[in-house]
Amino acid sequence: MKVAGVGVITGWGRGVEALPADAAATAGGRYVVAIPRPAPPGDRLRRATRECLLGIGAVEELLQTVARPASELAGPGTALLYVTASAYGAANRAFLGARGGTLHFPYTAPSAVPAEVAIEYGLCGAYVNFIGGAAATVDALWYAGSLLERGACTQALVLAVETFAECADLYRRARWLAAGPLVEAAACALLRPGGRRAEYDPDPVGVDAARRRTGQTFACEPLIALAVAGGDPAAVAGRWRGRRAGLRRL
């Protein structure tokens, strides 16, 4: 498989050009570096959650990066693989505390983000959700490559969204699990057939290579690393709760 491009939005700004050299120093003591709620692109999404809007925004950023129209994503040929460790926490917390508010229950499901992305861009191909951090994103990249090799799709989107602001107090109580800064992020990679084959590596090195610049972005980290490397690194890796996973180019 080959990486056609990666769209990245983080609490630092849009694109990898916005990433600082040292995330911890730039955070200036902030534990969470948040992304403001994006403006809904249309009336249909006026009640959509922030994480759904960020997912749509990441795909839009990807399209700008590869300079292609959204119409090229529509239809059954595009697979959508979504990864998150945290993005559904905000909606669940809001729903539990809403007491009859306007948040619709379906938005509490992890699948809400890819569902809104699929509707927005007319995707109706293969569809898989992964729950976990950076290692799960590596799994998603590998699976996307498998779909491409088998001809199950003509192109694949691997999308990750992570939000922290709404549950910042909960993360602070367990800081030993996720040292700050936690940097909200949304990233989407477009994969196409061709290029070198990728071999799964269950014990890779360099699993935290991008973290100095990004901060903690959980599932978004491998996709941001792809963007920083220009889309065609020799290897990509991730770690989550002690588990490592990587891909090596052959």
C-alpha atoms as a PDB file:
ATOM      1  CA  MET A   1       0.000   0.000   0.000  1.00  0.00           C
ATOM      2  CA  LYS A   2       1.036   3.615  -0.370  1.00  0.00           C
ATOM      3  CA  VAL A   3       0.063   6.655   1.681  1.00  0.00           C
ATOM      4  CA  ALA A   4      -1.401   9.270  -0.658  1.00  0.00           C
ATOM      5  CA  GLY A   5      -1.579  11.890   2.097  1.00  0.00           C
ATOM      6  CA  VAL A   6      -2.476  12.632   5.705  1.00  0.00           C
ATOM      7  CA  GLY A   7      -4.666  15.431   7.040  1.00  0.00           C
ATOM      8  CA  VAL A   8      -3.825  16.584  10.572  1.00  0.00           C
ATOM      9  CA  ILE A   9      -5.541  18.900  13.043  1.00  0.00           C
ATOM     10  CA  THR A  10      -4.207  19.254  16.602  1.00  0.00           C
ATOM     11  CA  GLY A  11      -4.508  21.596  19.530  1.00  0.00           C
ATOM     12  CA  TRP A  12      -1.417  23.277  18.076  1.00  0.00           C
ATOM     13  CA  GLY A  13      -3.160  24.110  14.795  1.00  0.00           C
ATOM     14  CA  ARG A  14      -3.679  22.663  11.325  1.00  0.00           C
ATOM     15  CA  GLY A  15      -1.035  20.568   9.614  1.00  0.00           C
ATOM     16  CA  VAL A  16       2.307  19.279  10.833  1.00  0.00           C
ATOM     17  CA  GLU A  17       3.788  22.732  10.293  1.00  0.00           C
ATOM     18  CA  ALA A  18       1.929  23.852  13.425  1.00  0.00           C
ATOM     19  CA  LEU A  19       3.630  21.246  15.645  1.00  0.00           C
ATOM     20  CA  PRO A  20       6.147  22.697  18.108  1.00  0.00           C
ATOM     21  CA  ALA A  21       9.660  21.351  18.516  1.00  0.00           C
ATOM     22  CA  ASP A  22       8.924  20.520  22.163  1.00  0.00           C
ATOM     23  CA  ALA A  23       5.282  19.954  23.092  1.00  0.00           C
ATOM     24  CA  ALA A  24       5.853  19.846  26.851  1.00  0.00           C
ATOM     25  CA  ALA A  25       7.697  23.163  26.875  1.00  0.00           C
ATOM     26  CA  THR A  26       5.193  24.843  24.557  1.00  0.00           C
ATOM     27  CA  ALA A  27       2.233  23.663  26.630  1.00  0.00           C
ATOM     28  CA  GLY A  28       3.490  25.875  29.444  1.00  0.00           C
ATOM     29  CA  GLY A  29       2.032  23.743  32.211  1.00  0.00           C
ATOM     30  CA  ARG A  30      -1.303  23.046  30.486  1.00  0.00           C
ATOM     31  CA  TYR A  31      -2.379  19.440  30.965  1.00  0.00           C
ATOM     32  CA  VAL A  32      -4.833  19.549  28.028  1.00  0.00           C
ATOM     33  CA  VAL A  33      -4.267  21.444  24.779  1.00  0.00           C
ATOM     34  CA  ALA A  34      -7.753  21.603  23.288  1.00  0.00           C
ATOM     35  CA  ILE A  35      -9.175  22.283  19.831  1.00  0.00           C
ATOM     36  CA  PRO A  36     -12.075  24.768  19.756  1.00  0.00           C
ATOM     37  CA  ARG A  37     -15.389  23.423  18.460  1.00  0.00           C
ATOM     38  CA  PRO A  38     -15.342  23.710  14.655  1.00  0.00           C
ATOM     39  CA  ALA A  39     -18.195  25.488  12.921  1.00  0.00           C
ATOM     40  CA  PRO A  40     -20.636  22.919  11.463  1.00  0.00           C
ATOM     41  CA  PRO A  41     -20.261  22.749   7.671  1.00  0.00           C
ATOM     42  CA  GLY A  42     -24.037  22.648   7.264  1.00  0.00           C
ATOM     43  CA  ASP A  43     -27.372  22.692   9.062  1.00  0.00           C
ATOM     44  CA  ARG A  44     -27.481  18.887   9.182  1.00  0.00           C
ATOM     45  CA  LEU A  45     -24.630  18.913  11.695  1.00  0.00           C
ATOM     46  CA  ARG A  46     -25.858  21.683  13.974  1.00  0.00           C
ATOM     47  CA  ARG A  47     -26.302  19.189  16.844  1.00  0.00           C
ATOM     48  CA  ALA A  48     -23.259  17.059  16.048  1.00  0.00           C
ATOM     49  CA  THR A  49     -20.698  16.610  18.800  1.00  0.00           C
ATOM     50  CA  ARG A  50     -17.296  18.278  18.687  1.00  0.00           C
ATOM     51  CA  GLU A  51     -15.568  14.973  17.985  1.00  0.00           C
ATOM     52  CA  CYS A  52     -17.811  14.329  14.970  1.00  0.00           C
ATOM     53  CA  LEU A  53     -17.004  17.759  13.563  1.00  0.00           C
ATOM     54  CA  LEU A  54     -13.302  17.122  14.124  1.00  0.00           C
ATOM     55  CA  GLY A  55     -13.531  13.837  12.223  1.00  0.00           C
ATOM     56  CA  ILE A  56     -15.156  15.596   9.280  1.00  0.00           C
ATOM     57  CA  GLY A  57     -12.554  18.354   9.552  1.00  0.00           C
ATOM     58  CA  ALA A  58      -9.691  15.841   9.404  1.00  0.00           C
ATOM     59  CA  VAL A  59     -11.039  14.403   6.150  1.00  0.00           C
ATOM     60  CA  GLU A  60     -11.418  17.916   4.747  1.00  0.00           C
ATOM     61  CA  GLU A  61      -7.825  18.675   5.748  1.00  0.00           C
ATOM     62  CA  LEU A  62      -6.750  15.483   3.966  1.00  0.00           C
ATOM     63  CA  LEU A  63      -8.576  16.510   0.789  1.00  0.00           C
ATOM     64  CA  GLN A  64      -6.813  19.868   0.854  1.00  0.00           C
ATOM     65  CA  THR A  65      -3.475  18.117   1.379  1.00  0.00           C
ATOM     66  CA  VAL A  66      -3.899  15.808  -1.618  1.00  0.00           C
ATOM     67  CA  ALA A  67      -5.719  18.485  -3.658  1.00  0.00           C
ATOM     68  CA  ARG A  68      -8.598  16.192  -4.614  1.00  0.00           C
ATOM     69  CA  PRO A  69     -12.379  16.744  -4.536  1.00  0.00           C
ATOM     70  CA  ALA A  70     -14.615  15.120  -1.939  1.00  0.00           C
ATOM     71  CA  SER A  71     -16.555  13.399  -4.726  1.00  0.00           C
ATOM     72  CA  GLU A  72     -13.628  10.988  -5.229  1.00  0.00           C
ATOM     73  CA  LEU A  73     -14.314   9.468  -1.797  1.00  0.00           C
ATOM     74  CA  ALA A  74     -18.004   8.739  -2.352  1.00  0.00           C
ATOM     75  CA  GLY A  75     -19.305   5.262  -3.094  1.00  0.00           C
ATOM     76  CA  PRO A  76     -18.518   1.638  -2.206  1.00  0.00           C
ATOM     77  CA  GLY A  77     -14.850   1.729  -3.209  1.00  0.00           C
ATOM     78  CA  THR A  78     -13.647   3.696  -0.172  1.00  0.00           C
ATOM     79  CA  ALA A  79     -13.139   1.808   3.094  1.00  0.00           C
ATOM     80  CA  LEU A  80     -13.345   3.693   6.398  1.00  0.00           C
ATOM     81  CA  LEU A  81     -11.373   2.492   9.415  1.00  0.00           C
ATOM     82  CA  TYR A  82     -11.846   4.545  12.569  1.00  0.00           C
ATOM     83  CA  VAL A  83      -9.736   4.487  15.732  1.00  0.00           C
ATOM     84  CA  THR A  84     -10.161   6.199  19.099  1.00  0.00           C
ATOM     85  CA  ALA A  85      -9.318   5.661  22.734  1.00  0.00           C
ATOM     86  CA  SER A  86     -11.123   8.652  24.202  1.00  0.00           C
ATOM     87  CA  ALA A  87     -13.404  10.545  21.829  1.00  0.00           C
ATOM     88  CA  TYR A  88     -16.650   8.906  22.967  1.00  0.00           C
ATOM     89  CA  GLY A  89     -16.012   9.829  26.616  1.00  0.00           C
ATOM     90  CA  ALA A  90     -17.117  13.435  26.177  1.00  0.00           C
ATOM     91  CA  ALA A  91     -20.521  12.537  24.730  1.00  0.00           C
ATOM     92  CA  ASN A  92     -21.160   9.891  27.385  1.00  0.00           C
ATOM     93  CA  ARG A  93     -20.329  12.298  30.174  1.00  0.00           C
ATOM     94  CA  ALA A  94     -22.488  15.017  28.644  1.00  0.00           C
ATOM     95  CA  PHE A  95     -25.409  12.624  28.181  1.00  0.00           C
ATOM     96  CA  LEU A  96     -25.258  11.346  31.755  1.00  0.00           C
ATOM     97  CA  GLY A  97     -25.247  14.885  33.115  1.00  0.00           C
ATOM     98  CA  ALA A  98     -27.657  16.412  30.606  1.00  0.00           C
ATOM     99  CA  ARG A  99     -30.917  15.680  32.460  1.00  0.00           C
ATOM    100  CA  GLY A 100     -33.058  16.073  29.373  1.00  0.00           C
ATOM    101  CA  GLY A 101     -30.648  18.166  27.314  1.00  0.00           C
ATOM    102  CA  THR A 102     -30.326  18.200  23.531  1.00  0.00           C
ATOM    103  CA  LEU A 103     -27.590  15.575  23.104  1.00  0.00           C
ATOM    104  CA  HIS A 104     -28.991  12.605  21.190  1.00  0.00           C
ATOM    105  CA  PHE A 105     -28.192   9.180  22.671  1.00  0.00           C
ATOM    106  CA  PRO A 106     -26.635   7.762  19.442  1.00  0.00           C
ATOM    107  CA  TYR A 107     -23.804  10.278  19.787  1.00  0.00           C
ATOM    108  CA  THR A 108     -22.599   8.418  22.892  1.00  0.00           C
ATOM    109  CA  ALA A 109     -21.457   5.463  20.744  1.00  0.00           C
ATOM    110  CA  PRO A 110     -17.876   5.341  19.419  1.00  0.00           C
ATOM    111  CA  SER A 111     -19.368   4.699  15.972  1.00  0.00           C
ATOM    112  CA  ALA A 112     -20.991   8.159  15.906  1.00  0.00           C
ATOM    113  CA  VAL A 113     -17.863   9.814  14.488  1.00  0.00           C
ATOM    114  CA  PRO A 114     -17.348   7.481  11.499  1.00  0.00           C
ATOM    115  CA  ALA A 115     -21.107   7.439  10.899  1.00  0.00           C
ATOM    116  CA  GLU A 116     -21.209  11.219  10.477  1.00  0.00           C
ATOM    117  CA  VAL A 117     -18.076  11.120   8.320  1.00  0.00           C
ATOM    118  CA  ALA A 118     -19.622   8.421   6.110  1.00  0.00           C
ATOM    119  CA  ILE A 119     -22.824  10.432   5.694  1.00  0.00           C
ATOM    120  CA  GLU A 120     -20.974  13.680   4.986  1.00  0.00           C
ATOM    121  CA  TYR A 121     -18.766  12.193   2.259  1.00  0.00           C
ATOM    122  CA  GLY A 122     -21.076   9.513   0.864  1.00  0.00           C
ATOM    123  CA  LEU A 123     -18.963   6.547   1.953  1.00  0.00           C
ATOM    124  CA  CYS A 124     -20.581   3.115   1.669  1.00  0.00           C
ATOM    125  CA  GLY A 125     -17.636   0.719   1.480  1.00  0.00           C
ATOM    126  CA  ALA A 126     -15.965  -1.532   4.052  1.00  0.00           C
ATOM    127  CA  TYR A 127     -16.245  -0.136   7.562  1.00  0.00           C
ATOM    128  CA  VAL A 128     -14.348  -1.106  10.748  1.00  0.00           C
ATOM    129  CA  ASN A 129     -13.976   0.524  14.182  1.00  0.00           C
ATOM    130  CA  PHE A 130     -10.966   0.022  16.471  1.00  0.00           C
ATOM    131  CA  ILE A 131     -11.014   1.029  20.149  1.00  0.00           C
ATOM    132  CA  GLY A 132      -7.596   1.774  21.615  1.00  0.00           C
ATOM    133  CA  GLY A 133      -4.578   4.007  21.311  1.00  0.00           C
ATOM    134  CA  ALA A 134      -1.591   4.119  18.974  1.00  0.00           C
ATOM    135  CA  ALA A 135      -1.207   0.326  18.737  1.00  0.00           C
ATOM    136  CA  ALA A 136      -4.814   0.036  17.540  1.00  0.00           C
ATOM    137  CA  THR A 137      -4.087   2.583  14.807  1.00  0.00           C
ATOM    138  CA  VAL A 138      -1.209   0.424  13.591  1.00  0.00           C
ATOM    139  CA  ASP A 139      -3.679  -2.486  13.512  1.00  0.00           C
ATOM    140  CA  ALA A 140      -6.045  -0.332  11.436  1.00  0.00           C
ATOM    141  CA  LEU A 141      -3.275   0.579   8.978  1.00  0.00           C
ATOM    142  CA  TRP A 142      -2.373  -3.092   8.591  1.00  0.00           C
ATOM    143  CA  TYR A 143      -6.008  -4.080   8.085  1.00  0.00           C
ATOM    144  CA  ALA A 144      -6.485  -1.311   5.524  1.00  0.00           C
ATOM    145  CA  GLY A 145      -3.514  -2.700   3.615  1.00  0.00           C
ATOM    146  CA  SER A 146      -5.102  -6.146   3.747  1.00  0.00           C
ATOM    147  CA  LEU A 147      -8.376  -4.798   2.321  1.00  0.00           C
ATOM    148  CA  LEU A 148      -6.479  -3.134  -0.520  1.00  0.00           C
ATOM    149  CA  GLU A 149      -4.476  -6.284  -1.310  1.00  0.00           C
ATOM    150  CA  ARG A 150      -7.640  -8.405  -1.421  1.00  0.00           C
ATOM    151  CA  GLY A 151      -9.421  -5.935  -3.669  1.00  0.00           C
ATOM    152  CA  ALA A 152     -12.078  -5.307  -1.018  1.00  0.00           C
ATOM    153  CA  CYS A 153     -11.682  -1.569  -1.649  1.00  0.00           C
ATOM    154  CA  THR A 154      -9.939   0.734  -4.098  1.00  0.00           C
ATOM    155  CA  GLN A 155      -8.799   3.172  -1.404  1.00  0.00           C
ATOM    156  CA  ALA A 156      -9.024   3.386   2.384  1.00  0.00           C
ATOM    157  CA  LEU A 157      -9.358   6.150   4.935  1.00  0.00           C
ATOM    158  CA  VAL A 158      -7.792   5.528   8.344  1.00  0.00           C
ATOM    159  CA  LEU A 159      -9.263   8.131  10.689  1.00  0.00           C
ATOM    160  CA  ALA A 160      -8.427   8.815  14.343  1.00  0.00           C
ATOM    161  CA  VAL A 161      -9.975  11.398  16.671  1.00  0.00           C
ATOM    162  CA  GLU A 162      -9.046  12.081  20.295  1.00  0.00           C
ATOM    163  CA  THR A 163     -10.637  14.684  22.592  1.00  0.00           C
ATOM    164  CA  PHE A 164      -9.824  15.306  26.243  1.00  0.00           C
ATOM    165  CA  ALA A 165     -11.180  18.653  27.435  1.00  0.00           C
ATOM    166  CA  GLU A 166     -14.597  17.457  28.617  1.00  0.00           C
ATOM    167  CA  CYS A 167     -13.008  14.737  30.780  1.00  0.00           C
ATOM    168  CA  ALA A 168      -9.824  16.583  31.766  1.00  0.00           C
ATOM    169  CA  ASP A 169     -10.500  16.198  35.493  1.00  0.00           C
ATOM    170  CA  LEU A 170     -10.766  12.419  35.112  1.00  0.00           C
ATOM    171  CA  TYR A 171      -7.455  12.236  33.263  1.00  0.00           C
ATOM    172  CA  ARG A 172      -5.786  14.363  35.931  1.00  0.00           C
ATOM    173  CA  ARG A 173      -6.834  11.870  38.598  1.00  0.00           C
ATOM    174  CA  ALA A 174      -4.955   9.152  36.716  1.00  0.00           C
ATOM    175  CA  ARG A 175      -1.969  11.103  35.442  1.00  0.00           C
ATOM    176  CA  TRP A 176       0.282   8.064  35.849  1.00  0.00           C
ATOM    177  CA  LEU A 177      -1.613   6.493  32.921  1.00  0.00           C
ATOM    178  CA  ALA A 178      -1.160   9.479  30.599  1.00  0.00           C
ATOM    179  CA  ALA A 179       1.486  12.056  31.368  1.00  0.00           C
ATOM    180  CA  GLY A 180       0.676  15.429  29.853  1.00  0.00           C
ATOM    181  CA  PRO A 181       0.281  17.358  27.840  1.00  0.00           C
ATOM    182  CA  LEU A 182      -2.775  15.654  26.363  1.00  0.00           C
ATOM    183  CA  VAL A 183      -3.173  17.255  22.946  1.00  0.00           C
ATOM    184  CA  GLU A 184      -6.499  16.914  21.178  1.00  0.00           C
ATOM    185  CA  ALA A 185      -6.121  15.742  17.600  1.00  0.00           C
ATOM    186  CA  ALA A 186      -7.873  14.433  14.521  1.00  0.00           C
ATOM    187  CA  ALA A 187      -5.948  12.834  11.678  1.00  0.00           C
ATOM    188  CA  CYS A 188      -6.911  10.988   8.515  1.00  0.00           C
ATOM    189  CA  ALA A 189      -4.676   9.047   6.118  1.00  0.00           C
ATOM    190  CA  LEU A 190      -5.645   8.078   2.576  1.00  0.00           C
ATOM    191  CA  LEU A 191      -4.203   4.718   1.507  1.00  0.00           C
ATOM    192  CA  ARG A 192      -4.127   3.391  -2.041  1.00  0.00           C
ATOM    193  CA  PRO A 193      -2.801   0.241  -3.733  1.00  0.00           C
ATOM    194  CA  GLY A 194       0.831   0.094  -4.760  1.00  0.00           C
ATOM    195  CA  GLY A 195       4.113   0.885  -3.104  1.00  0.00           C
ATOM    196  CA  ARG A 196       5.958  -1.537  -0.900  1.00  0.00           C
ATOM    197  CA  ARG A 197       4.234  -4.235   1.142  1.00  0.00           C
ATOM    198  CA  ALA A 198       4.051  -3.663   4.887  1.00  0.00           C
ATOM    199  CA  GLU A 199       4.879  -6.430   7.368  1.00  0.00           C
ATOM    200  CA  TYR A 200       3.336  -6.442  10.845  1.00  0.00           C
ATOM    201  CA  ASP A 201       5.888  -6.049  13.647  1.00  0.00           C
ATOM    202  CA  PRO A 202       4.665  -6.995  17.156  1.00  0.00           C
ATOM    203  CA  ASP A 203       7.775  -5.610  18.879  1.00  0.00           C
ATOM    204  CA  PRO A 204       8.883  -2.449  17.064  1.00  0.00           C
ATOM    205  CA  VAL A 205      11.369   0.213  18.117  1.00  0.00           C
ATOM    206  CA  GLY A 206      10.820   3.964  18.055  1.00  0.00           C
ATOM    207  CA  VAL A 207       7.234   3.731  19.269  1.00  0.00           C
ATOM    208  CA  ASP A 208       7.241   7.245  20.749  1.00  0.00           C
ATOM    209  CA  ALA A 209       9.110   8.972  17.921  1.00  0.00           C
ATOM    210  CA  ALA A 210       6.529  11.716  17.296  1.00  0.00           C
ATOM    211  CA  ARG A 211       5.499  12.372  20.878  1.00  0.00           C
ATOM    212  CA  ARG A 212       8.116  15.021  21.692  1.00  0.00           C
ATOM    213  CA  ARG A 213       6.553  17.293  19.071  1.00  0.00           C
ATOM    214  CA  THR A 214       2.906  16.317  19.463  1.00  0.00           C
ATOM    215  CA  GLY A 215       2.367  15.529  23.131  1.00  0.00           C
ATOM    216  CA  GLN A 216      -0.010  12.682  23.983  1.00  0.00           C
ATOM    217  CA  THR A 217      -2.400  12.187  21.070  1.00  0.00           C
ATOM    218  CA  PHE A 218      -3.261   8.508  21.706  1.00  0.00           C
ATOM    219  CA  ALA A 219      -4.628   6.924  18.502  1.00  0.00           C
ATOM    220  CA  CYS A 220      -3.649   9.904  16.334  1.00  0.00           C
ATOM    221  CA  GLU A 221       0.076   9.486  17.015  1.00  0.00           C
ATOM    222  CA  PRO A 222       0.979   7.006  14.213  1.00  0.00           C
ATOM    223  CA  LEU A 223      -0.983   9.016  11.633  1.00  0.00           C
ATOM    224  CA  ILE A 224       0.750  12.232  12.677  1.00  0.00           C
ATOM    225  CA  ALA A 225       4.077  10.388  12.461  1.00  0.00           C
ATOM    226  CA  LEU A 226       3.169   9.402   8.880  1.00  0.00           C
ATOM    227  CA  ALA A 227       2.437  13.037   8.062  1.00  0.00           C
ATOM    228  CA  VAL A 228       5.692  14.253   9.620  1.00  0.00           C
ATOM    229  CA  ALA A 229       7.626  11.630   7.628  1.00  0.00           C
ATOM    230  CA  GLY A 230       6.049  12.728   4.374  1.00  0.00           C
ATOM    231  CA  GLY A 231       3.755   9.732   4.073  1.00  0.00           C
ATOM    232  CA  ASP A 232       6.300   7.007   3.240  1.00  0.00           C
ATOM    233  CA  PRO A 233       8.442   6.100   6.265  1.00  0.00           C
ATOM    234  CA  ALA A 234      10.356   2.839   6.498  1.00  0.00           C
ATOM    235  CA  ALA A 235       8.334   1.975   9.599  1.00  0.00           C
ATOM    236  CA  VAL A 236       5.501   3.239  11.773  1.00  0.00           C
ATOM    237  CA  ALA A 237       4.828   2.117  15.332  1.00  0.00           C
ATOM    238  CA  GLY A 238       2.653   2.716  18.357  1.00  0.00           C
ATOM    239  CA  ARG A 239       2.243   1.715  21.981  1.00  0.00           C
ATOM    240  CA  TRP A 240      -0.844   1.552  24.167  1.00  0.00           C
ATOM    241  CA  ARG A 241      -1.109   0.270  27.748  1.00  0.00           C
ATOM    242  CA  GLY A 242       2.075  -1.769  27.380  1.00  0.00           C
ATOM    243  CA  ARG A 243       1.227  -3.264  23.989  1.00  0.00           C
ATOM    244  CA  ARG A 244       3.455  -2.431  21.017  1.00  0.00           C
ATOM    245  CA  ALA A 245       2.644  -2.730  17.335  1.00  0.00           C
ATOM    246  CA  GLY A 246       4.409  -1.646  14.185  1.00  0.00           C
ATOM    247  CA  LEU A 247       4.578  -1.915  10.415  1.00  0.00           C
ATOM    248  CA  ARG A 248       7.797  -2.349   8.449  1.00  0.00           C
ATOM    249  CA  ARG A 249       8.122  -1.670   4.749  1.00  0.00           C
ATOM    250  CA  LEU A 250       9.510  -4.611   2.776  1.00  0.00           C
END
